[in-house]
C-alpha cells in the first residue's frame, strides 16, 4: 500500500482524481498503524471492505488475504464502477489474487486496468535455488505457485499496462510469455501519442520505483514519535536495518559481518539492529540474521527483531540511528523499496547489493550512501574486504556521501505521481486505439 499512500496527496495536482478500494485493517494479519491512516489526504475517498476471518489463513493456497477479500472487493468494485465515473483501475498490491478482478471489470464495464508489479507474481527463484526454503513452506508455497502460474497469463491477456519497481520484471514477462508484447512506454509528455499498437496482446510498461517523501519524517519529528527498540543515548553506535531477512540476503549480511570482525576493536561499540525480518505472524518469526552474526563472533553486537513494528516507529529508528545498512538479495531482480526513506534521512548508509539491482544504479546516480556491488564468484571474505576498503574510514566509521538532490528528484512522491498519471493517460489512449483496430 505504500506506493498509493505516498502518491495520493499529489495525484490531484498531477491531473487525476483517486478513489481507493481497500480491505478493512482488522482483516489484515499485521500490526495496525493508525499513524499511516491519519496521514491520508482528506479529499480522497477510501472504501473499505470486510474480508473473511483470519482463521481462513490456515488453508493452503486459499487462506491468503487476497482470497479472503476477493468476494467483498468484487461486490464493492462493481458498485463503484457501474456509476461510470471511473476511467481506469490500478491494482497496486502484492496480493496478486485480487488482480483477477481486472478482466471481470473490463468485460462487465469496459474499464481497462493497470497492474503494479511490486514483486513478481510468478517467480522462478525457488525453482532455481532448491536449497532455499520458500516462505510458508514448500507445500503451501507449491499450491500458491501453481495458482499463480495459472492466473497470471489469463490476467495479462486483458491488462493494458504494468508498472514495476524493477526493469527485470518486464523482461521476465517477455521471456515467460512470448505471445505478450511488453513495450516500454518511456517518459514522454502526457499530450504525445503512445506508440502504435502491434497486436491485441500489447502491454505498455514503465519502471516506477517506490517514491520517497520527506513529509513522513517531518511528521515523525513534529509528533515526537518514539521507538522502543534501542536507546540512542546509551553511548553505543547504533546501526539499523528495517526489512525482511532470509537466506537470499545471507551473502550480503555475511560480508558486512566479515568487515566488522576485521575492524575490531574499532567497531566493538557498534550495535546492529535488524528489525521486522520475518513475514510470519507476531511471535512466530524465525531469526535468520543472528545465526550469521554468531559465525563471526558478533552475536553480542547484533539484535534481531523478527516481528514487524509500526511504520512510524520504523522511521524513528532510522532517525535515531548513527548509520544505516541495507543488504541486497542474491536475486539480480531484487530491488529494495525501503531505500528511498533511507536516503532521505541524511545518515551514513551502506548498501551491499547485486550489481544488476536497480538500487546499485540509483545510489551511483544520486549518492546518499555507499553501495558495494557483488555478482561474481568472489567469497564472503573477498566481498568483506571490498566493503572495508570502500565504506569505512581509518577510525572504523562509515563514510558519508551527500545526496544529490537534483539526481534524486525523479524519485520523490510528487514526481512519481506525475509520471504515474502520464502513464495512465498513455494506457488509456493505447487501449482506445487497440479497440478501434480490433473493430
Protein backbone atom coordinates (compact mmCIF):
# COMPACT_ATOMS: atom_id res chain seq x y z
CA UNK A 1 0.00 0.00 0.00
CA UNK A 2 2.99 2.32 0.32
CA UNK A 3 3.07 3.43 -3.32
CA UNK A 4 -0.57 4.50 -3.28
CA UNK A 5 -0.26 6.12 0.15
CA UNK A 6 2.71 8.22 -0.91
CA UNK A 7 1.36 9.49 -4.24
CA UNK A 8 -2.23 10.17 -3.09
CA UNK A 9 -1.51 13.72 -1.84
CA UNK A 10 -0.06 14.67 -5.24
CA UNK A 11 -2.40 12.96 -7.72
CA UNK A 12 -4.94 15.78 -7.91
CA UNK A 13 -2.24 18.31 -8.85
CA UNK A 14 -0.98 15.80 -11.44
CA UNK A 15 -4.41 15.71 -13.06
CA UNK A 16 -6.13 12.64 -11.58
CA UNK A 17 -8.86 12.06 -9.01
CA UNK A 18 -8.38 8.90 -6.96
CA UNK A 19 -10.91 6.57 -5.35
CA UNK A 20 -9.35 3.88 -3.13
CA UNK A 21 -10.80 0.40 -2.59
CA UNK A 22 -9.10 -1.35 0.31
CA UNK A 23 -9.53 -4.09 2.90
CA UNK A 24 -10.52 -3.30 6.47
CA UNK A 25 -7.30 -3.33 8.54
CA UNK A 26 -8.86 -5.69 11.09
CA UNK A 27 -8.76 -8.48 8.49
CA UNK A 28 -5.04 -7.99 7.83
CA UNK A 29 -2.57 -10.14 9.80
CA UNK A 30 -0.25 -7.22 10.53
CA UNK A 31 0.07 -4.56 13.22
CA UNK A 32 -2.32 -1.65 12.79
CA UNK A 33 -0.54 1.68 12.42
CA UNK A 34 -3.11 4.44 12.87
CA UNK A 35 -0.36 6.95 12.09
CA UNK A 36 -0.43 5.88 8.46
CA UNK A 37 -4.18 6.33 8.19
CA UNK A 38 -4.01 9.75 9.87
CA UNK A 39 -1.72 10.95 7.12
CA UNK A 40 -4.09 10.19 4.25
CA UNK A 41 -5.42 13.27 2.41
CA UNK A 42 -8.95 14.16 3.48
CA UNK A 43 -10.17 14.79 -0.06
CA UNK A 44 -9.58 11.18 -1.17
CA UNK A 45 -12.49 8.76 -0.91
CA UNK A 46 -11.50 5.43 0.69
CA UNK A 47 -13.89 2.46 0.61
CA UNK A 48 -13.04 -0.43 2.96
CA UNK A 49 -14.46 -3.94 2.75
CA UNK A 50 -14.70 -6.81 5.24
CA UNK A 51 -12.80 -9.96 4.33
CA UNK A 52 -13.28 -13.48 5.63
CA UNK A 53 -11.76 -14.07 9.07
CA UNK A 54 -8.08 -14.72 9.76
CA UNK A 55 -8.77 -18.40 10.56
CA UNK A 56 -9.11 -19.00 6.80
CA UNK A 57 -5.39 -18.30 6.61
CA UNK A 58 -4.72 -21.89 7.68
CA UNK A 59 -5.97 -23.27 4.35
CA UNK A 60 -3.07 -23.81 1.96
CA UNK A 61 -3.44 -21.74 -1.20
CA UNK A 62 -6.88 -20.42 -0.21
CA UNK A 63 -6.22 -18.58 3.04
CA UNK A 64 -4.37 -15.60 1.63
CA UNK A 65 -5.67 -12.12 2.24
CA UNK A 66 -6.46 -11.75 -1.45
CA UNK A 67 -8.66 -14.85 -1.48
CA UNK A 68 -10.40 -13.94 1.76
CA UNK A 69 -11.30 -10.48 0.45
CA UNK A 70 -11.98 -11.36 -3.20
CA UNK A 71 -15.77 -11.58 -2.98
CA UNK A 72 -16.11 -8.39 -0.94
CA UNK A 73 -13.79 -6.46 -3.26
CA UNK A 74 -15.70 -7.68 -6.30
CA UNK A 75 -19.02 -6.54 -4.86
CA UNK A 76 -17.72 -3.13 -3.77
CA UNK A 77 -15.87 -2.65 -7.05
CA UNK A 78 -19.00 -3.45 -9.05
CA UNK A 79 -20.88 -0.79 -7.10
CA UNK A 80 -18.20 1.85 -7.73
CA UNK A 81 -17.66 1.06 -11.41
CA UNK A 82 -21.28 0.88 -12.52
CA UNK A 83 -21.59 4.63 -11.91
CA UNK A 84 -19.43 5.27 -14.98
CA UNK A 85 -17.30 7.85 -13.16
CA UNK A 86 -14.08 5.80 -13.18
CA UNK A 87 -11.79 5.66 -16.22
CA UNK A 88 -9.18 3.12 -15.11
CA UNK A 89 -8.49 0.58 -12.34
CA UNK A 90 -4.99 0.35 -10.83
CA UNK A 91 -4.06 -2.77 -8.84
CA UNK A 92 -1.19 -1.76 -6.57
CA UNK A 93 -0.83 -4.72 -4.20
CA UNK A 94 1.26 -7.86 -3.94
CA UNK A 95 -1.94 -9.78 -3.15
CA UNK A 96 -1.98 -10.79 -6.80
CA UNK A 97 -5.02 -12.99 -6.36
CA UNK A 98 -7.27 -9.93 -6.46
CA UNK A 99 -5.85 -8.92 -9.87
CA UNK A 100 -8.18 -11.48 -11.45
CA UNK A 101 -10.93 -8.92 -10.88
CA UNK A 102 -9.38 -6.80 -13.63
CA UNK A 103 -10.65 -8.94 -16.54
CA UNK A 104 -14.06 -9.22 -14.85
CA UNK A 105 -14.45 -5.46 -14.52
CA UNK A 106 -13.11 -4.86 -18.03
CA UNK A 107 -15.63 -7.25 -19.59
CA UNK A 108 -18.56 -6.05 -17.49
CA UNK A 109 -17.96 -2.29 -17.54
CA UNK A 110 -15.45 -1.75 -20.35
CA UNK A 111 -12.93 -0.20 -17.93
CA UNK A 112 -9.24 -1.02 -18.58
CA UNK A 113 -6.86 -1.87 -15.78
CA UNK A 114 -3.17 -1.48 -14.93
CA UNK A 115 -1.16 -3.78 -12.65
CA UNK A 116 1.67 -2.86 -10.30
CA UNK A 117 4.50 -5.41 -10.11
CA UNK A 118 5.98 -4.55 -6.72
CA UNK A 119 7.22 -8.16 -6.68
CA UNK A 120 6.98 -10.88 -9.32
CA UNK A 121 3.60 -12.61 -9.43
CA UNK A 122 5.32 -15.77 -10.66
CA UNK A 123 8.88 -16.38 -9.52
CA UNK A 124 11.41 -18.98 -10.59
CA UNK A 125 13.76 -18.12 -7.73
CA UNK A 126 12.92 -21.10 -5.53
CA UNK A 127 12.98 -23.47 -8.53
CA UNK A 128 16.45 -22.24 -9.41
CA UNK A 129 17.56 -22.32 -5.76
CA UNK A 130 16.09 -25.53 -4.30
CA UNK A 131 18.37 -25.20 -1.29
CA UNK A 132 16.44 -22.09 -0.15
CA UNK A 133 13.17 -22.89 1.68
CA UNK A 134 10.27 -20.79 0.28
CA UNK A 135 8.07 -18.67 2.57
CA UNK A 136 5.31 -20.67 4.22
CA UNK A 137 6.99 -24.00 3.50
CA UNK A 138 7.26 -25.99 0.26
CA UNK A 139 3.76 -27.49 0.34
CA UNK A 140 1.90 -24.22 0.93
CA UNK A 141 4.17 -22.32 -1.44
CA UNK A 142 3.76 -25.01 -4.11
CA UNK A 143 -0.03 -24.66 -4.11
CA UNK A 144 0.20 -20.88 -4.31
CA UNK A 145 2.77 -21.11 -7.11
CA UNK A 146 0.51 -23.43 -9.13
CA UNK A 147 -2.39 -20.98 -8.81
CA UNK A 148 -0.15 -18.03 -9.71
CA UNK A 149 1.09 -19.71 -12.89
CA UNK A 150 -2.48 -20.36 -13.99
CA UNK A 151 -3.83 -16.90 -13.22
CA UNK A 152 -1.03 -14.58 -14.35
CA UNK A 153 -1.27 -15.21 -18.13
CA UNK A 154 -5.08 -15.02 -18.03
CA UNK A 155 -4.96 -11.59 -16.41
CA UNK A 156 -2.11 -10.28 -18.55
CA UNK A 157 -4.09 -11.01 -21.74
CA UNK A 158 -6.66 -8.41 -20.63
CA UNK A 159 -4.31 -5.91 -18.97
CA UNK A 160 -3.37 -2.66 -20.74
CA UNK A 161 -0.27 -1.73 -18.75
CA UNK A 162 2.07 -2.53 -15.88
CA UNK A 163 4.22 -0.50 -13.56
CA UNK A 164 7.14 -2.33 -11.96
CA UNK A 165 9.74 -1.49 -9.35
CA UNK A 166 12.43 -3.33 -11.31
CA UNK A 167 13.30 -3.40 -15.01
CA UNK A 168 13.87 -7.14 -14.59
CA UNK A 169 10.16 -7.89 -14.15
CA UNK A 170 9.05 -6.83 -17.67
CA UNK A 171 12.00 -8.80 -19.07
CA UNK A 172 10.82 -11.86 -17.16
CA UNK A 173 7.31 -11.48 -18.59
CA UNK A 174 8.67 -11.24 -22.15
CA UNK A 175 10.62 -14.45 -21.61
CA UNK A 176 7.78 -16.33 -19.90
CA UNK A 177 5.05 -15.34 -22.38
CA UNK A 178 6.41 -14.97 -25.94
CA UNK A 179 2.92 -14.02 -27.15
CA UNK A 180 2.91 -10.95 -24.89
CA UNK A 181 4.30 -7.76 -26.47
CA UNK A 182 5.64 -5.81 -23.48
CA UNK A 183 6.56 -2.34 -24.69
CA UNK A 184 8.47 0.21 -22.62
CA UNK A 185 6.36 3.36 -22.68
CA UNK A 186 9.27 5.64 -21.81
CA UNK A 187 8.84 9.08 -20.24
CA UNK A 188 7.04 11.34 -22.71
CA UNK A 189 4.83 14.41 -22.39
CA UNK A 190 1.23 13.47 -21.48
CA UNK A 191 -0.03 15.02 -24.73
CA UNK A 192 2.08 12.85 -27.01
CA UNK A 193 0.59 9.80 -28.71
CA UNK A 194 1.53 6.32 -27.48
CA UNK A 195 3.49 4.05 -29.72
CA UNK A 196 1.38 2.33 -32.38
CA UNK A 197 -0.16 -0.92 -31.14
CA UNK A 198 1.15 -4.05 -32.77
CA UNK A 199 -1.21 -6.77 -31.51
CA UNK A 200 -4.15 -7.38 -29.16
CA UNK A 201 -1.63 -8.70 -26.61
CA UNK A 202 0.34 -5.46 -26.38
CA UNK A 203 1.17 -4.30 -22.87
CA UNK A 204 2.64 -0.91 -22.05
CA UNK A 205 5.25 -0.96 -19.29
CA UNK A 206 7.15 1.54 -17.21
CA UNK A 207 9.64 1.13 -14.38
CA UNK A 208 8.45 3.15 -11.41
CA UNK A 209 10.28 2.52 -8.13
CA UNK A 210 8.55 3.29 -4.86
CA UNK A 211 8.85 7.02 -4.14
CA UNK A 212 10.29 8.81 -1.17
CA UNK A 213 8.63 11.69 0.68
CA UNK A 214 10.35 13.77 3.33
CA UNK A 215 6.94 14.72 4.75
CA UNK A 216 6.86 11.36 6.55
CA UNK A 217 9.97 12.29 8.52
CA UNK A 218 8.60 15.79 9.16
CA UNK A 219 5.53 14.23 10.78
CA UNK A 220 7.61 11.86 12.90
CA UNK A 221 9.64 14.78 14.23
CA UNK A 222 6.69 17.11 14.75
CA UNK A 223 4.59 14.48 16.53
CA UNK A 224 7.51 13.27 18.69
CA UNK A 225 7.08 9.65 17.65
CA UNK A 226 9.24 7.36 19.79
CA UNK A 227 10.64 3.88 19.31
CA UNK A 228 11.28 1.09 21.81
CA UNK A 229 13.95 -0.89 20.00
CA UNK A 230 17.08 0.78 21.35
CA UNK A 231 18.26 3.74 23.42
CA UNK A 232 20.07 6.20 21.14
CA UNK A 233 21.65 7.90 24.17
CA UNK A 234 23.32 4.86 25.76
CA UNK A 235 26.77 5.64 24.39
CA UNK A 236 26.69 2.91 21.73
CA UNK A 237 26.85 3.37 17.97
CA UNK A 238 23.53 2.07 16.72
CA UNK A 239 23.17 0.81 13.15
CA UNK A 240 19.69 -0.02 11.85
CA UNK A 241 18.16 -2.14 9.13
CA UNK A 242 14.36 -2.39 8.84
CA UNK A 243 13.09 -5.02 6.43
CA UNK A 244 12.90 -8.69 5.69
CA UNK A 245 15.70 -11.17 6.17
CA UNK A 246 16.10 -14.54 4.50
CA UNK A 247 18.75 -16.83 3.11
CA UNK A 248 18.94 -14.94 -0.19
CA UNK A 249 20.42 -12.00 1.77
CA UNK A 250 22.94 -14.08 3.68
CA UNK A 251 25.85 -13.32 1.34
CA UNK A 252 25.50 -9.54 1.76
CA UNK A 253 24.98 -9.80 5.53
CA UNK A 254 27.99 -12.08 5.95
CA UNK A 255 30.13 -9.62 4.00
CA UNK A 256 29.22 -6.84 6.44
CA UNK A 257 29.92 -9.05 9.44
CA UNK A 258 33.25 -10.08 7.93
CA UNK A 259 34.22 -6.43 7.59
CA UNK A 260 33.15 -5.55 11.12
CA UNK A 261 35.00 -8.52 12.59
CA UNK A 262 38.16 -7.46 10.75
CA UNK A 263 37.87 -3.94 12.19
CA UNK A 264 37.70 -4.96 15.83
CA UNK A 265 38.26 -3.40 18.34
CA UNK A 266 37.33 -0.20 16.44
CA UNK A 267 33.80 -1.50 15.91
CA UNK A 268 33.22 -3.11 19.31
CA UNK A 269 30.82 -0.34 20.37
CA UNK A 270 28.57 -0.83 17.32
CA UNK A 271 25.16 -2.39 17.92
CA UNK A 272 23.33 -3.61 14.82
CA UNK A 273 19.53 -3.83 14.91
CA UNK A 274 17.72 -5.91 12.29
CA UNK A 275 14.01 -5.14 12.60
CA UNK A 276 10.99 -6.87 11.06
CA UNK A 277 12.99 -9.61 9.36
CA UNK A 278 10.18 -12.19 9.17
CA UNK A 279 6.84 -12.33 7.35
CA UNK A 280 5.50 -14.76 9.97
CA UNK A 281 2.79 -13.84 12.46
CA UNK A 282 3.88 -11.89 15.53
CA UNK A 283 5.95 -14.07 17.85
CA UNK A 284 6.37 -16.85 15.28
CA UNK A 285 9.24 -15.43 13.23
CA UNK A 286 12.49 -17.37 12.97
CA UNK A 287 15.75 -15.39 13.32
CA UNK A 288 17.84 -15.50 10.15
CA UNK A 289 20.44 -12.82 10.97
CA UNK A 290 21.62 -13.68 14.49
CA UNK A 291 22.97 -17.12 13.47
CA UNK A 292 25.11 -15.38 10.83
CA UNK A 293 26.45 -12.95 13.42
CA UNK A 294 27.49 -15.89 15.60
CA UNK A 295 29.66 -17.22 12.75
CA UNK A 296 31.82 -14.08 13.03
CA UNK A 297 31.82 -13.73 16.81
CA UNK A 298 29.43 -10.77 16.67
CA UNK A 299 26.45 -12.30 18.44
CA UNK A 300 26.67 -9.81 21.33
CA UNK A 301 26.60 -6.88 18.92
CA UNK A 302 23.64 -7.99 16.79
CA UNK A 303 19.99 -7.87 17.84
CA UNK A 304 17.30 -9.25 15.56
CA UNK A 305 13.59 -8.48 15.91
CA UNK A 306 11.68 -10.78 13.54
CA UNK A 307 8.33 -9.09 14.29
CA UNK A 308 7.20 -6.07 12.31
CA UNK A 309 6.82 -2.72 14.06
CA UNK A 310 4.57 0.24 13.11
CA UNK A 311 5.87 2.25 10.18
CA UNK A 312 6.13 5.46 12.20
CA UNK A 313 8.36 3.70 14.75
CA UNK A 314 10.46 2.26 11.94
CA UNK A 315 11.07 5.77 10.63
CA UNK A 316 12.03 6.92 14.12
CA UNK A 317 14.53 4.04 14.33
CA UNK A 318 16.13 5.32 11.13
CA UNK A 319 16.31 8.85 12.52
CA UNK A 320 17.76 7.68 15.87
CA UNK A 321 20.45 5.54 14.26
CA UNK A 322 24.05 6.60 13.79
CA UNK A 323 24.22 4.71 10.49
CA UNK A 324 22.03 2.55 8.26
CA UNK A 325 22.63 -0.74 6.46
CA UNK A 326 20.63 -2.34 3.65
CA UNK A 327 21.53 -5.87 2.46
CA UNK A 328 20.55 -7.00 -1.02
CA UNK A 329 19.37 -10.35 -2.29
CA UNK A 330 21.41 -12.69 -4.46
CA UNK A 331 18.49 -12.41 -6.90
CA UNK A 332 19.60 -9.81 -9.51
CA UNK A 333 16.00 -8.63 -9.98
CA UNK A 334 15.59 -7.68 -6.32
CA UNK A 335 15.09 -4.02 -5.53
CA UNK A 336 14.51 -2.54 -2.09
CA UNK A 337 11.68 -0.01 -1.99
CA UNK A 338 12.82 0.90 1.51
CA UNK A 339 15.96 2.51 0.08
CA UNK A 340 14.21 5.84 -0.57
CA UNK A 341 13.38 6.77 3.04
CA UNK A 342 16.87 5.56 4.00
CA UNK A 343 18.42 8.04 1.58
CA UNK A 344 16.23 10.88 2.83
CA UNK A 345 17.50 10.57 6.42
CA UNK A 346 20.91 12.00 5.54
CA UNK A 347 22.54 9.31 7.69
CA UNK A 348 25.67 7.38 6.65
CA UNK A 349 24.35 4.47 4.59
CA UNK A 350 25.93 1.22 3.42
CA UNK A 351 24.15 -0.92 0.81
CA UNK A 352 25.53 -4.26 -0.36
CA UNK A 353 23.59 -5.27 -3.48
CA UNK A 354 23.81 -7.34 -6.60
CA UNK A 355 25.47 -5.37 -9.38
CA UNK A 356 22.33 -5.75 -11.56
CA UNK A 357 19.93 -4.40 -8.93
CA UNK A 358 18.33 -1.01 -9.52
CA UNK A 359 19.49 0.01 -6.03
CA UNK A 360 23.10 -0.14 -7.22
CA UNK A 361 22.49 2.18 -10.16
CA UNK A 362 20.30 4.52 -8.06
CA UNK A 363 22.95 5.15 -5.38
CA UNK A 364 25.66 5.55 -8.00
CA UNK A 365 23.50 8.18 -9.71
CA UNK A 366 22.00 10.03 -6.75
CA UNK A 367 24.53 9.43 -3.97
CA UNK A 368 23.26 9.48 -0.41
CA UNK A 369 25.23 6.39 0.56
CA UNK A 370 27.88 3.88 -0.37
CA UNK A 371 26.96 0.85 -2.44
CA UNK A 372 29.23 -2.16 -2.69
CA UNK A 373 28.04 -4.37 -5.56
CA UNK A 374 28.55 -8.11 -5.92
CA UNK A 375 27.77 -10.59 -8.66
CA UNK A 376 30.86 -12.58 -9.47
CA UNK A 377 32.28 -15.68 -7.86
CA UNK A 378 34.06 -13.94 -5.01
CA UNK A 379 33.95 -15.33 -1.49
CA UNK A 380 32.42 -13.71 1.58
CA UNK A 381 35.88 -12.69 2.76
CA UNK A 382 36.71 -11.08 -0.59
CA UNK A 383 33.48 -9.08 -0.61
CA UNK A 384 34.07 -8.18 3.05
CA UNK A 385 37.49 -6.76 2.17
CA UNK A 386 35.91 -4.62 -0.57
CA UNK A 387 33.37 -3.38 1.96
CA UNK A 388 36.25 -2.41 4.27
CA UNK A 389 38.15 -0.59 1.55
CA UNK A 390 35.10 1.19 0.11
CA UNK A 391 32.89 2.09 3.04
CA UNK A 392 34.95 2.60 6.21
CA UNK A 393 37.47 5.23 7.24
CA UNK A 394 40.55 4.57 9.35
CA UNK A 395 38.61 5.10 12.59
CA UNK A 396 36.01 2.41 11.81
CA UNK A 397 33.22 4.81 10.86
CA UNK A 398 31.11 4.69 7.72
CA UNK A 399 31.97 7.37 5.23
CA UNK A 400 29.20 9.87 4.48
CA UNK A 401 28.10 10.65 0.93
CA UNK A 402 25.79 13.59 0.30
CA UNK A 403 22.53 13.02 -1.55
CA UNK A 404 22.37 14.67 -4.97
CA UNK A 405 19.04 16.46 -4.63
CA UNK A 406 18.70 17.06 -8.36
CA UNK A 407 19.51 13.45 -9.19
CA UNK A 408 17.10 12.19 -6.55
CA UNK A 409 14.20 14.50 -7.55
CA UNK A 410 12.62 12.00 -10.02
CA UNK A 411 12.24 9.50 -7.15
CA UNK A 412 10.21 11.82 -4.91
CA UNK A 413 6.48 11.27 -4.49
CA UNK A 414 5.32 14.38 -6.37
CA UNK A 415 7.41 13.49 -9.43
CA UNK A 416 6.26 9.88 -9.25
CA UNK A 417 2.63 10.99 -9.14
CA UNK A 418 3.11 12.99 -12.35
CA UNK A 419 4.80 10.05 -14.05
CA UNK A 420 2.07 7.68 -12.90
CA UNK A 421 -0.73 9.86 -14.26
CA UNK A 422 1.17 10.29 -17.53
CA UNK A 423 1.44 6.52 -17.83
CA UNK A 424 -2.28 6.06 -17.14
CA UNK A 425 -3.06 8.51 -19.94
CA UNK A 426 -0.79 6.57 -22.31
CA UNK A 427 -2.51 3.31 -21.37
CA UNK A 428 -5.98 4.77 -21.91
CA UNK A 429 -5.00 6.24 -25.28
CA UNK A 430 -3.41 2.97 -26.33
CA UNK A 431 -6.46 0.98 -25.21
CA UNK A 432 -8.72 3.19 -27.29
CA UNK A 433 -6.53 2.73 -30.36
CA UNK A 434 -6.47 -1.02 -29.85
CA UNK A 435 -10.28 -1.17 -29.70
CA UNK A 436 -10.56 0.82 -32.94
CA UNK A 437 -8.16 -1.56 -34.70
CA UNK A 438 -9.97 -4.66 -33.43
CA UNK A 439 -13.28 -3.29 -34.75
